[in-house]
Amino acid sequence: VLAWGALFLIRKTWLEATSFNDVNEVFSDKNFWVGIIVIP
């Protein structure tokens, strides 16, 4: 869970920084929540 969450946050804040405006974008992304459940 932590590894997937950390990757998602890093990609949003660093790798995709040009399109990132608010940290809430991470938690509003359905792919984040699907990954939190399915991947672990």
PDB file of all heavy atoms in Angstrom:
ATOM      1  N   VAL A   1       0.839  -1.208   0.000  1.00  0.00           N
ATOM      2  CA  VAL A   1       0.000   0.000   0.000  1.00  0.00           C
ATOM      3  C   VAL A   1       0.869   1.251   0.000  1.00  0.00           C
ATOM      4  O   VAL A   1       0.666   2.177  -0.795  1.00  0.00           O
ATOM      5  CB  VAL A   1      -0.947   0.003   1.220  1.00  0.00           C
ATOM      6  CG1 VAL A   1      -1.609   1.367   1.395  1.00  0.00           C
ATOM      7  CG2 VAL A   1      -2.010  -1.070   1.078  1.00  0.00           C
ATOM      8  N   LEU A   2       1.851   1.286   0.887  1.00  0.00           N
ATOM      9  CA  LEU A   2       2.727   2.462   1.000  1.00  0.00           C
ATOM     10  C   LEU A   2       3.571   2.652  -0.262  1.00  0.00           C
ATOM     11  O   LEU A   2       3.779   3.795  -0.706  1.00  0.00           O
ATOM     12  CB  LEU A   2       3.634   2.315   2.221  1.00  0.00           C
ATOM     13  CG  LEU A   2       2.932   2.377   3.593  1.00  0.00           C
ATOM     14  CD1 LEU A   2       3.915   2.053   4.708  1.00  0.00           C
ATOM     15  CD2 LEU A   2       2.322   3.763   3.815  1.00  0.00           C
ATOM     16  N   ALA A   3       4.062   1.553  -0.841  1.00  0.00           N
ATOM     17  CA  ALA A   3       4.894   1.651  -2.047  1.00  0.00           C
ATOM     18  C   ALA A   3       4.087   2.200  -3.213  1.00  0.00           C
ATOM     19  O   ALA A   3       4.567   3.071  -3.955  1.00  0.00           O
ATOM     20  CB  ALA A   3       5.470   0.278  -2.398  1.00  0.00           C
ATOM     21  N   TRP A   4       2.860   1.697  -3.381  1.00  0.00           N
ATOM     22  CA  TRP A   4       2.019   2.192  -4.478  1.00  0.00           C
ATOM     23  C   TRP A   4       1.622   3.649  -4.241  1.00  0.00           C
ATOM     24  O   TRP A   4       1.656   4.468  -5.156  1.00  0.00           O
ATOM     25  CB  TRP A   4       0.765   1.319  -4.606  1.00  0.00           C
ATOM     26  CG  TRP A   4      -0.186   1.816  -5.664  1.00  0.00           C
ATOM     27  CD1 TRP A   4      -1.374   2.441  -5.485  1.00  0.00           C
ATOM     28  CD2 TRP A   4       0.003   1.749  -7.076  1.00  0.00           C
ATOM     29  NE1 TRP A   4      -1.958   2.759  -6.682  1.00  0.00           N
ATOM     30  CE2 TRP A   4      -1.124   2.338  -7.687  1.00  0.00           C
ATOM     31  CE3 TRP A   4       1.012   1.233  -7.888  1.00  0.00           C
ATOM     32  CZ2 TRP A   4      -1.272   2.432  -9.062  1.00  0.00           C
ATOM     33  CZ3 TRP A   4       0.871   1.332  -9.268  1.00  0.00           C
ATOM     34  CH2 TRP A   4      -0.256   1.922  -9.834  1.00  0.00           C
ATOM     35  N   GLY A   5       1.268   3.989  -2.994  1.00  0.00           N
ATOM     36  CA  GLY A   5       0.912   5.375  -2.680  1.00  0.00           C
ATOM     37  C   GLY A   5       2.073   6.327  -2.909  1.00  0.00           C
ATOM     38  O   GLY A   5       1.904   7.418  -3.450  1.00  0.00           O
ATOM     39  N   ALA A   6       3.280   5.906  -2.496  1.00  0.00           N
ATOM     40  CA  ALA A   6       4.469   6.744  -2.680  1.00  0.00           C
ATOM     41  C   ALA A   6       4.766   6.955  -4.159  1.00  0.00           C
ATOM     42  O   ALA A   6       5.097   8.078  -4.589  1.00  0.00           O
ATOM     43  CB  ALA A   6       5.658   6.094  -1.986  1.00  0.00           C
ATOM     44  N   LEU A   7       4.660   5.881  -4.966  1.00  0.00           N
ATOM     45  CA  LEU A   7       4.898   6.011  -6.405  1.00  0.00           C
ATOM     46  C   LEU A   7       3.901   6.964  -7.038  1.00  0.00           C
ATOM     47  O   LEU A   7       4.276   7.818  -7.856  1.00  0.00           O
ATOM     48  CB  LEU A   7       4.802   4.637  -7.072  1.00  0.00           C
ATOM     49  CG  LEU A   7       4.923   4.667  -8.608  1.00  0.00           C
ATOM     50  CD1 LEU A   7       6.354   5.031  -9.012  1.00  0.00           C
ATOM     51  CD2 LEU A   7       4.537   3.329  -9.216  1.00  0.00           C
ATOM     52  N   PHE A   8       2.651   6.829  -6.675  1.00  0.00           N
ATOM     53  CA  PHE A   8       1.613   7.692  -7.243  1.00  0.00           C
ATOM     54  C   PHE A   8       1.883   9.157  -6.904  1.00  0.00           C
ATOM     55  O   PHE A   8       1.763  10.045  -7.758  1.00  0.00           O
ATOM     56  CB  PHE A   8       0.245   7.270  -6.692  1.00  0.00           C
ATOM     57  CG  PHE A   8      -0.867   7.353  -7.696  1.00  0.00           C
ATOM     58  CD1 PHE A   8      -1.147   6.275  -8.528  1.00  0.00           C
ATOM     59  CD2 PHE A   8      -1.621   8.504  -7.827  1.00  0.00           C
ATOM     60  CE1 PHE A   8      -2.167   6.343  -9.461  1.00  0.00           C
ATOM     61  CE2 PHE A   8      -2.640   8.593  -8.751  1.00  0.00           C
ATOM     62  CZ  PHE A   8      -2.915   7.512  -9.582  1.00  0.00           C
ATOM     63  N   LEU A   9       2.266   9.409  -5.671  1.00  0.00           N
ATOM     64  CA  LEU A   9       2.546  10.785  -5.232  1.00  0.00           C
ATOM     65  C   LEU A   9       3.778  11.342  -5.946  1.00  0.00           C
ATOM     66  O   LEU A   9       3.786  12.506  -6.387  1.00  0.00           O
ATOM     67  CB  LEU A   9       2.759  10.793  -3.717  1.00  0.00           C
ATOM     68  CG  LEU A   9       2.880  12.170  -3.059  1.00  0.00           C
ATOM     69  CD1 LEU A   9       1.594  12.973  -3.251  1.00  0.00           C
ATOM     70  CD2 LEU A   9       3.189  12.019  -1.568  1.00  0.00           C
ATOM     71  N   ILE A  10       4.829  10.522  -6.069  1.00  0.00           N
ATOM     72  CA  ILE A  10       6.054  10.963  -6.750  1.00  0.00           C
ATOM     73  C   ILE A  10       5.782  11.284  -8.210  1.00  0.00           C
ATOM     74  O   ILE A  10       6.265  12.276  -8.757  1.00  0.00           O
ATOM     75  CB  ILE A  10       7.156   9.893  -6.611  1.00  0.00           C
ATOM     76  CG1 ILE A  10       7.649   9.826  -5.163  1.00  0.00           C
ATOM     77  CG2 ILE A  10       8.317  10.174  -7.554  1.00  0.00           C
ATOM     78  CD1 ILE A  10       8.577   8.667  -4.875  1.00  0.00           C
ATOM     79  N   ARG A  11       4.992  10.440  -8.875  1.00  0.00           N
ATOM     80  CA  ARG A  11       4.681  10.674 -10.291  1.00  0.00           C
ATOM     81  C   ARG A  11       3.880  11.960 -10.477  1.00  0.00           C
ATOM     82  O   ARG A  11       4.079  12.691 -11.445  1.00  0.00           O
ATOM     83  CB  ARG A  11       3.902   9.483 -10.854  1.00  0.00           C
ATOM     84  CG  ARG A  11       4.771   8.257 -11.120  1.00  0.00           C
ATOM     85  CD  ARG A  11       3.938   7.031 -11.379  1.00  0.00           C
ATOM     86  NE  ARG A  11       3.171   7.125 -12.620  1.00  0.00           N
ATOM     87  CZ  ARG A  11       3.640   6.814 -13.829  1.00  0.00           C
ATOM     88  NH1 ARG A  11       4.889   6.390 -13.950  1.00  0.00           N
ATOM     89  NH2 ARG A  11       2.878   6.913 -14.887  1.00  0.00           N
ATOM     90  N   LYS A  12       2.972  12.228  -9.548  1.00  0.00           N
ATOM     91  CA  LYS A  12       2.141  13.428  -9.680  1.00  0.00           C
ATOM     92  C   LYS A  12       2.920  14.700  -9.357  1.00  0.00           C
ATOM     93  O   LYS A  12       2.763  15.728 -10.022  1.00  0.00           O
ATOM     94  CB  LYS A  12       0.928  13.319  -8.745  1.00  0.00           C
ATOM     95  CG  LYS A  12      -0.134  12.315  -9.187  1.00  0.00           C
ATOM     96  CD  LYS A  12      -0.856  12.784 -10.430  1.00  0.00           C
ATOM     97  CE  LYS A  12      -1.979  11.828 -10.819  1.00  0.00           C
ATOM     98  NZ  LYS A  12      -2.659  12.258 -12.071  1.00  0.00           N
ATOM     99  N   THR A  13       3.757  14.640  -8.307  1.00  0.00           N
ATOM    100  CA  THR A  13       4.447  15.847  -7.850  1.00  0.00           C
ATOM    101  C   THR A  13       5.774  16.107  -8.544  1.00  0.00           C
ATOM    102  O   THR A  13       6.277  17.230  -8.534  1.00  0.00           O
ATOM    103  CB  THR A  13       4.712  15.751  -6.333  1.00  0.00           C
ATOM    104  OG1 THR A  13       5.482  14.577  -6.071  1.00  0.00           O
ATOM    105  CG2 THR A  13       3.400  15.681  -5.570  1.00  0.00           C
ATOM    106  N   TRP A  14       6.350  15.054  -9.162  1.00  0.00           N
ATOM    107  CA  TRP A  14       7.676  15.220  -9.781  1.00  0.00           C
ATOM    108  C   TRP A  14       7.650  14.895 -11.270  1.00  0.00           C
ATOM    109  O   TRP A  14       7.924  15.767 -12.111  1.00  0.00           O
ATOM    110  CB  TRP A  14       8.687  14.338  -9.041  1.00  0.00           C
ATOM    111  CG  TRP A  14      10.076  14.392  -9.604  1.00  0.00           C
ATOM    112  CD1 TRP A  14      10.667  15.453 -10.234  1.00  0.00           C
ATOM    113  CD2 TRP A  14      11.037  13.330  -9.602  1.00  0.00           C
ATOM    114  NE1 TRP A  14      11.930  15.131 -10.626  1.00  0.00           N
ATOM    115  CE2 TRP A  14      12.201  13.828 -10.248  1.00  0.00           C
ATOM    116  CE3 TRP A  14      11.056  12.030  -9.104  1.00  0.00           C
ATOM    117  CZ2 TRP A  14      13.337  13.062 -10.416  1.00  0.00           C
ATOM    118  CZ3 TRP A  14      12.188  11.276  -9.256  1.00  0.00           C
ATOM    119  CH2 TRP A  14      13.316  11.784  -9.915  1.00  0.00           C
ATOM    120  N   LEU A  15       7.296  13.668 -11.607  1.00  0.00           N
ATOM    121  CA  LEU A  15       7.359  13.252 -13.011  1.00  0.00           C
ATOM    122  C   LEU A  15       6.308  13.950 -13.867  1.00  0.00           C
ATOM    123  O   LEU A  15       6.521  14.175 -15.052  1.00  0.00           O
ATOM    124  CB  LEU A  15       7.190  11.735 -13.104  1.00  0.00           C
ATOM    125  CG  LEU A  15       8.223  10.902 -12.327  1.00  0.00           C
ATOM    126  CD1 LEU A  15       7.998   9.414 -12.547  1.00  0.00           C
ATOM    127  CD2 LEU A  15       9.644  11.285 -12.733  1.00  0.00           C
ATOM    128  N   GLU A  16       5.153  14.279 -13.263  1.00  0.00           N
ATOM    129  CA  GLU A  16       4.103  14.977 -14.013  1.00  0.00           C
ATOM    130  C   GLU A  16       3.872  16.364 -13.429  1.00  0.00           C
ATOM    131  O   GLU A  16       2.752  16.875 -13.409  1.00  0.00           O
ATOM    132  CB  GLU A  16       2.796  14.178 -13.959  1.00  0.00           C
ATOM    133  CG  GLU A  16       2.912  12.773 -14.528  1.00  0.00           C
ATOM    134  CD  GLU A  16       1.628  11.959 -14.335  1.00  0.00           C
ATOM    135  OE1 GLU A  16       0.577  12.562 -14.036  1.00  0.00           O
ATOM    136  OE2 GLU A  16       1.686  10.735 -14.480  1.00  0.00           O
ATOM    137  N   ALA A  17       4.907  16.964 -12.947  1.00  0.00           N
ATOM    138  CA  ALA A  17       4.788  18.233 -12.217  1.00  0.00           C
ATOM    139  C   ALA A  17       4.145  19.342 -13.045  1.00  0.00           C
ATOM    140  O   ALA A  17       3.498  20.242 -12.512  1.00  0.00           O
ATOM    141  CB  ALA A  17       6.165  18.684 -11.735  1.00  0.00           C
ATOM    142  N   THR A  18       4.289  19.292 -14.370  1.00  0.00           N
ATOM    143  CA  THR A  18       3.740  20.371 -15.219  1.00  0.00           C
ATOM    144  C   THR A  18       2.216  20.406 -15.192  1.00  0.00           C
ATOM    145  O   THR A  18       1.615  21.458 -15.382  1.00  0.00           O
ATOM    146  CB  THR A  18       4.200  20.175 -16.675  1.00  0.00           C
ATOM    147  OG1 THR A  18       3.839  18.841 -17.106  1.00  0.00           O
ATOM    148  CG2 THR A  18       5.706  20.342 -16.781  1.00  0.00           C
ATOM    149  N   SER A  19       1.572  19.273 -14.950  1.00  0.00           N
ATOM    150  CA  SER A  19       0.106  19.220 -14.933  1.00  0.00           C
ATOM    151  C   SER A  19      -0.451  19.065 -13.526  1.00  0.00           C
ATOM    152  O   SER A  19      -1.652  18.865 -13.346  1.00  0.00           O
ATOM    153  CB  SER A  19      -0.385  18.046 -15.795  1.00  0.00           C
ATOM    154  OG  SER A  19       0.108  16.827 -15.279  1.00  0.00           O
ATOM    155  N   PHE A  20       0.428  19.155 -12.502  1.00  0.00           N
ATOM    156  CA  PHE A  20      -0.001  18.939 -11.122  1.00  0.00           C
ATOM    157  C   PHE A  20      -0.273  20.276 -10.447  1.00  0.00           C
ATOM    158  O   PHE A  20       0.549  21.182 -10.450  1.00  0.00           O
ATOM    159  CB  PHE A  20       1.101  18.182 -10.370  1.00  0.00           C
ATOM    160  CG  PHE A  20       0.777  17.924  -8.922  1.00  0.00           C
ATOM    161  CD1 PHE A  20      -0.113  16.913  -8.583  1.00  0.00           C
ATOM    162  CD2 PHE A  20       1.357  18.691  -7.927  1.00  0.00           C
ATOM    163  CE1 PHE A  20      -0.416  16.681  -7.257  1.00  0.00           C
ATOM    164  CE2 PHE A  20       1.064  18.460  -6.608  1.00  0.00           C
ATOM    165  CZ  PHE A  20       0.174  17.444  -6.267  1.00  0.00           C
ATOM    166  N   ASN A  21      -1.459  20.386  -9.828  1.00  0.00           N
ATOM    167  CA  ASN A  21      -1.834  21.640  -9.176  1.00  0.00           C
ATOM    168  C   ASN A  21      -2.099  21.482  -7.679  1.00  0.00           C
ATOM    169  O   ASN A  21      -1.792  22.376  -6.897  1.00  0.00           O
ATOM    170  CB  ASN A  21      -3.100  22.222  -9.833  1.00  0.00           C
ATOM    171  CG  ASN A  21      -2.858  22.588 -11.293  1.00  0.00           C
ATOM    172  OD1 ASN A  21      -1.861  23.239 -11.609  1.00  0.00           O
ATOM    173  ND2 ASN A  21      -3.756  22.160 -12.182  1.00  0.00           N
ATOM    174  N   ASP A  22      -2.670  20.340  -7.290  1.00  0.00           N
ATOM    175  CA  ASP A  22      -3.092  20.174  -5.901  1.00  0.00           C
ATOM    176  C   ASP A  22      -2.903  18.723  -5.478  1.00  0.00           C
ATOM    177  O   ASP A  22      -3.189  17.806  -6.250  1.00  0.00           O
ATOM    178  CB  ASP A  22      -4.565  20.570  -5.782  1.00  0.00           C
ATOM    179  CG  ASP A  22      -5.036  20.575  -4.335  1.00  0.00           C
ATOM    180  OD1 ASP A  22      -4.214  20.323  -3.436  1.00  0.00           O
ATOM    181  OD2 ASP A  22      -6.225  20.834  -4.101  1.00  0.00           O
ATOM    182  N   VAL A  23      -2.432  18.532  -4.244  1.00  0.00           N
ATOM    183  CA  VAL A  23      -2.215  17.177  -3.749  1.00  0.00           C
ATOM    184  C   VAL A  23      -3.507  16.381  -3.703  1.00  0.00           C
ATOM    185  O   VAL A  23      -3.509  15.145  -3.739  1.00  0.00           O
ATOM    186  CB  VAL A  23      -1.573  17.223  -2.342  1.00  0.00           C
ATOM    187  CG1 VAL A  23      -2.578  17.689  -1.293  1.00  0.00           C
ATOM    188  CG2 VAL A  23      -1.003  15.852  -1.973  1.00  0.00           C
ATOM    189  N   ASN A  24      -4.629  17.059  -3.643  1.00  0.00           N
ATOM    190  CA  ASN A  24      -5.916  16.349  -3.630  1.00  0.00           C
ATOM    191  C   ASN A  24      -6.182  15.610  -4.938  1.00  0.00           C
ATOM    192  O   ASN A  24      -7.031  14.718  -4.985  1.00  0.00           O
ATOM    193  CB  ASN A  24      -7.061  17.329  -3.355  1.00  0.00           C
ATOM    194  CG  ASN A  24      -7.040  17.814  -1.915  1.00  0.00           C
ATOM    195  OD1 ASN A  24      -6.720  17.054  -1.008  1.00  0.00           O
ATOM    196  ND2 ASN A  24      -7.362  19.088  -1.711  1.00  0.00           N
ATOM    197  N   GLU A  25      -5.428  16.005  -6.005  1.00  0.00           N
ATOM    198  CA  GLU A  25      -5.581  15.294  -7.278  1.00  0.00           C
ATOM    199  C   GLU A  25      -5.183  13.822  -7.136  1.00  0.00           C
ATOM    200  O   GLU A  25      -5.709  12.959  -7.837  1.00  0.00           O
ATOM    201  CB  GLU A  25      -4.711  15.958  -8.347  1.00  0.00           C
ATOM    202  CG  GLU A  25      -5.201  17.324  -8.783  1.00  0.00           C
ATOM    203  CD  GLU A  25      -4.325  17.906  -9.876  1.00  0.00           C
ATOM    204  OE1 GLU A  25      -3.609  17.121 -10.537  1.00  0.00           O
ATOM    205  OE2 GLU A  25      -4.348  19.134 -10.063  1.00  0.00           O
ATOM    206  N   VAL A  26      -4.237  13.570  -6.222  1.00  0.00           N
ATOM    207  CA  VAL A  26      -3.809  12.191  -6.004  1.00  0.00           C
ATOM    208  C   VAL A  26      -4.952  11.366  -5.435  1.00  0.00           C
ATOM    209  O   VAL A  26      -5.263  10.271  -5.912  1.00  0.00           O
ATOM    210  CB  VAL A  26      -2.600  12.143  -5.037  1.00  0.00           C
ATOM    211  CG1 VAL A  26      -2.261  10.694  -4.674  1.00  0.00           C
ATOM    212  CG2 VAL A  26      -1.403  12.826  -5.662  1.00  0.00           C
ATOM    213  N   PHE A  27      -5.602  11.907  -4.411  1.00  0.00           N
ATOM    214  CA  PHE A  27      -6.643  11.150  -3.714  1.00  0.00           C
ATOM    215  C   PHE A  27      -7.982  11.159  -4.440  1.00  0.00           C
ATOM    216  O   PHE A  27      -8.874  10.380  -4.102  1.00  0.00           O
ATOM    217  CB  PHE A  27      -6.806  11.702  -2.297  1.00  0.00           C
ATOM    218  CG  PHE A  27      -5.536  11.673  -1.500  1.00  0.00           C
ATOM    219  CD1 PHE A  27      -4.830  12.843  -1.240  1.00  0.00           C
ATOM    220  CD2 PHE A  27      -5.021  10.469  -1.035  1.00  0.00           C
ATOM    221  CE1 PHE A  27      -3.643  12.797  -0.515  1.00  0.00           C
ATOM    222  CE2 PHE A  27      -3.841  10.425  -0.318  1.00  0.00           C
ATOM    223  CZ  PHE A  27      -3.149  11.594  -0.061  1.00  0.00           C
ATOM    224  N   SER A  28      -8.116  12.022  -5.439  1.00  0.00           N
ATOM    225  CA  SER A  28      -9.354  12.024  -6.223  1.00  0.00           C
ATOM    226  C   SER A  28      -9.239  11.150  -7.479  1.00  0.00           C
ATOM    227  O   SER A  28     -10.226  10.962  -8.188  1.00  0.00           O
ATOM    228  CB  SER A  28      -9.706  13.463  -6.632  1.00  0.00           C
ATOM    229  OG  SER A  28      -8.673  14.025  -7.441  1.00  0.00           O
ATOM    230  N   ASP A  29      -8.041  10.639  -7.728  1.00  0.00           N
ATOM    231  CA  ASP A  29      -7.824   9.767  -8.891  1.00  0.00           C
ATOM    232  C   ASP A  29      -8.294   8.352  -8.563  1.00  0.00           C
ATOM    233  O   ASP A  29      -7.793   7.725  -7.626  1.00  0.00           O
ATOM    234  CB  ASP A  29      -6.338   9.754  -9.258  1.00  0.00           C
ATOM    235  CG  ASP A  29      -6.076   9.133 -10.630  1.00  0.00           C
ATOM    236  OD1 ASP A  29      -6.791   8.169 -10.968  1.00  0.00           O
ATOM    237  OD2 ASP A  29      -5.160   9.597 -11.311  1.00  0.00           O
ATOM    238  N   LYS A  30      -9.237   7.817  -9.333  1.00  0.00           N
ATOM    239  CA  LYS A  30      -9.773   6.482  -9.049  1.00  0.00           C
ATOM    240  C   LYS A  30      -8.710   5.395  -9.209  1.00  0.00           C
ATOM    241  O   LYS A  30      -8.764   4.351  -8.549  1.00  0.00           O
ATOM    242  CB  LYS A  30     -10.971   6.182  -9.945  1.00  0.00           C
ATOM    243  CG  LYS A  30     -10.642   6.052 -11.423  1.00  0.00           C
ATOM    244  CD  LYS A  30     -11.876   5.649 -12.220  1.00  0.00           C
ATOM    245  CE  LYS A  30     -11.521   5.432 -13.696  1.00  0.00           C
ATOM    246  NZ  LYS A  30     -12.711   5.025 -14.489  1.00  0.00           N
ATOM    247  N   ASN A  31      -7.727   5.639 -10.084  1.00  0.00           N
ATOM    248  CA  ASN A  31      -6.648   4.652 -10.260  1.00  0.00           C
ATOM    249  C   ASN A  31      -5.838   4.467  -8.980  1.00  0.00           C
ATOM    250  O   ASN A  31      -5.314   3.386  -8.705  1.00  0.00           O
ATOM    251  CB  ASN A  31      -5.723   5.081 -11.402  1.00  0.00           C
ATOM    252  CG  ASN A  31      -6.400   4.981 -12.750  1.00  0.00           C
ATOM    253  OD1 ASN A  31      -7.243   4.116 -12.956  1.00  0.00           O
ATOM    254  ND2 ASN A  31      -6.040   5.864 -13.664  1.00  0.00           N
ATOM    255  N   PHE A  32      -5.741   5.543  -8.206  1.00  0.00           N
ATOM    256  CA  PHE A  32      -5.028   5.467  -6.938  1.00  0.00           C
ATOM    257  C   PHE A  32      -5.726   4.494  -5.997  1.00  0.00           C
ATOM    258  O   PHE A  32      -5.086   3.618  -5.412  1.00  0.00           O
ATOM    259  CB  PHE A  32      -4.950   6.857  -6.297  1.00  0.00           C
ATOM    260  CG  PHE A  32      -4.393   6.867  -4.899  1.00  0.00           C
ATOM    261  CD1 PHE A  32      -3.027   6.790  -4.693  1.00  0.00           C
ATOM    262  CD2 PHE A  32      -5.239   6.925  -3.790  1.00  0.00           C
ATOM    263  CE1 PHE A  32      -2.505   6.781  -3.398  1.00  0.00           C
ATOM    264  CE2 PHE A  32      -4.723   6.918  -2.509  1.00  0.00           C
ATOM    265  CZ  PHE A  32      -3.357   6.851  -2.312  1.00  0.00           C
ATOM    266  N   TRP A  33      -7.042   4.607  -5.868  1.00  0.00           N
ATOM    267  CA  TRP A  33      -7.799   3.770  -4.941  1.00  0.00           C
ATOM    268  C   TRP A  33      -7.927   2.329  -5.447  1.00  0.00           C
ATOM    269  O   TRP A  33      -7.905   1.394  -4.641  1.00  0.00           O
ATOM    270  CB  TRP A  33      -9.174   4.377  -4.688  1.00  0.00           C
ATOM    271  CG  TRP A  33      -9.068   5.685  -3.970  1.00  0.00           C
ATOM    272  CD1 TRP A  33      -9.294   6.931  -4.477  1.00  0.00           C
ATOM    273  CD2 TRP A  33      -8.654   5.873  -2.607  1.00  0.00           C
ATOM    274  NE1 TRP A  33      -9.053   7.891  -3.537  1.00  0.00           N
ATOM    275  CE2 TRP A  33      -8.654   7.280  -2.372  1.00  0.00           C
ATOM    276  CE3 TRP A  33      -8.275   5.017  -1.583  1.00  0.00           C
ATOM    277  CZ2 TRP A  33      -8.305   7.819  -1.139  1.00  0.00           C
ATOM    278  CZ3 TRP A  33      -7.928   5.561  -0.362  1.00  0.00           C
ATOM    279  CH2 TRP A  33      -7.941   6.943  -0.144  1.00  0.00           C
ATOM    280  N   VAL A  34      -8.042   2.176  -6.763  1.00  0.00           N
ATOM    281  CA  VAL A  34      -8.074   0.823  -7.317  1.00  0.00           C
ATOM    282  C   VAL A  34      -6.753   0.110  -7.022  1.00  0.00           C
ATOM    283  O   VAL A  34      -6.720  -1.053  -6.614  1.00  0.00           O
ATOM    284  CB  VAL A  34      -8.345   0.848  -8.834  1.00  0.00           C
ATOM    285  CG1 VAL A  34      -8.131  -0.533  -9.441  1.00  0.00           C
ATOM    286  CG2 VAL A  34      -9.776   1.308  -9.111  1.00  0.00           C
ATOM    287  N   GLY A  35      -5.652   0.847  -7.209  1.00  0.00           N
ATOM    288  CA  GLY A  35      -4.333   0.277  -6.947  1.00  0.00           C
ATOM    289  C   GLY A  35      -4.114  -0.049  -5.483  1.00  0.00           C
ATOM    290  O   GLY A  35      -3.512  -1.069  -5.139  1.00  0.00           O
ATOM    291  N   ILE A  36      -4.633   0.819  -4.589  1.00  0.00           N
ATOM    292  CA  ILE A  36      -4.476   0.615  -3.151  1.00  0.00           C
ATOM    293  C   ILE A  36      -5.120  -0.701  -2.711  1.00  0.00           C
ATOM    294  O   ILE A  36      -4.650  -1.375  -1.791  1.00  0.00           O
ATOM    295  CB  ILE A  36      -5.098   1.796  -2.368  1.00  0.00           C
ATOM    296  CG1 ILE A  36      -4.187   3.032  -2.452  1.00  0.00           C
ATOM    297  CG2 ILE A  36      -5.355   1.434  -0.912  1.00  0.00           C
ATOM    298  CD1 ILE A  36      -2.867   2.887  -1.718  1.00  0.00           C
ATOM    299  N   ILE A  37      -6.194  -1.097  -3.381  1.00  0.00           N
ATOM    300  CA  ILE A  37      -6.909  -2.313  -3.004  1.00  0.00           C
ATOM    301  C   ILE A  37      -6.393  -3.536  -3.775  1.00  0.00           C
ATOM    302  O   ILE A  37      -6.062  -4.569  -3.196  1.00  0.00           O
ATOM    303  CB  ILE A  37      -8.427  -2.150  -3.253  1.00  0.00           C
ATOM    304  CG1 ILE A  37      -8.973  -1.026  -2.364  1.00  0.00           C
ATOM    305  CG2 ILE A  37      -9.163  -3.457  -2.982  1.00  0.00           C
ATOM    306  CD1 ILE A  37     -10.383  -0.625  -2.680  1.00  0.00           C
ATOM    307  N   VAL A  38      -6.324  -3.398  -5.107  1.00  0.00           N
ATOM    308  CA  VAL A  38      -6.026  -4.550  -5.966  1.00  0.00           C
ATOM    309  C   VAL A  38      -4.561  -4.955  -5.901  1.00  0.00           C
ATOM    310  O   VAL A  38      -4.233  -6.149  -5.785  1.00  0.00           O
ATOM    311  CB  VAL A  38      -6.432  -4.254  -7.429  1.00  0.00           C
ATOM    312  CG1 VAL A  38      -5.998  -5.403  -8.341  1.00  0.00           C
ATOM    313  CG2 VAL A  38      -7.931  -4.032  -7.521  1.00  0.00           C
ATOM    314  N   ILE A  39      -3.658  -3.988  -5.967  1.00  0.00           N
ATOM    315  CA  ILE A  39      -2.230  -4.308  -6.052  1.00  0.00           C
ATOM    316  C   ILE A  39      -1.705  -5.027  -4.802  1.00  0.00           C
ATOM    317  O   ILE A  39      -1.021  -6.054  -4.915  1.00  0.00           O
ATOM    318  CB  ILE A  39      -1.412  -3.041  -6.360  1.00  0.00           C
ATOM    319  CG1 ILE A  39      -1.657  -2.626  -7.814  1.00  0.00           C
ATOM    320  CG2 ILE A  39       0.081  -3.281  -6.118  1.00  0.00           C
ATOM    321  CD1 ILE A  39      -0.931  -1.402  -8.247  1.00  0.00           C
ATOM    322  N   PRO A  40      -2.022  -4.573  -3.573  1.00  0.00           N
ATOM    323  CA  PRO A  40      -1.542  -5.324  -2.398  1.00  0.00           C
ATOM    324  C   PRO A  40      -2.067  -6.756  -2.348  1.00  0.00           C
ATOM    325  O   PRO A  40      -1.328  -7.673  -1.966  1.00  0.00           O
ATOM    326  CB  PRO A  40      -2.091  -4.497  -1.221  1.00  0.00           C
ATOM    327  CG  PRO A  40      -2.215  -3.119  -1.757  1.00  0.00           C
ATOM    328  CD  PRO A  40      -2.653  -3.294  -3.179  1.00  0.00           C
TER     329      PRO A  40
END
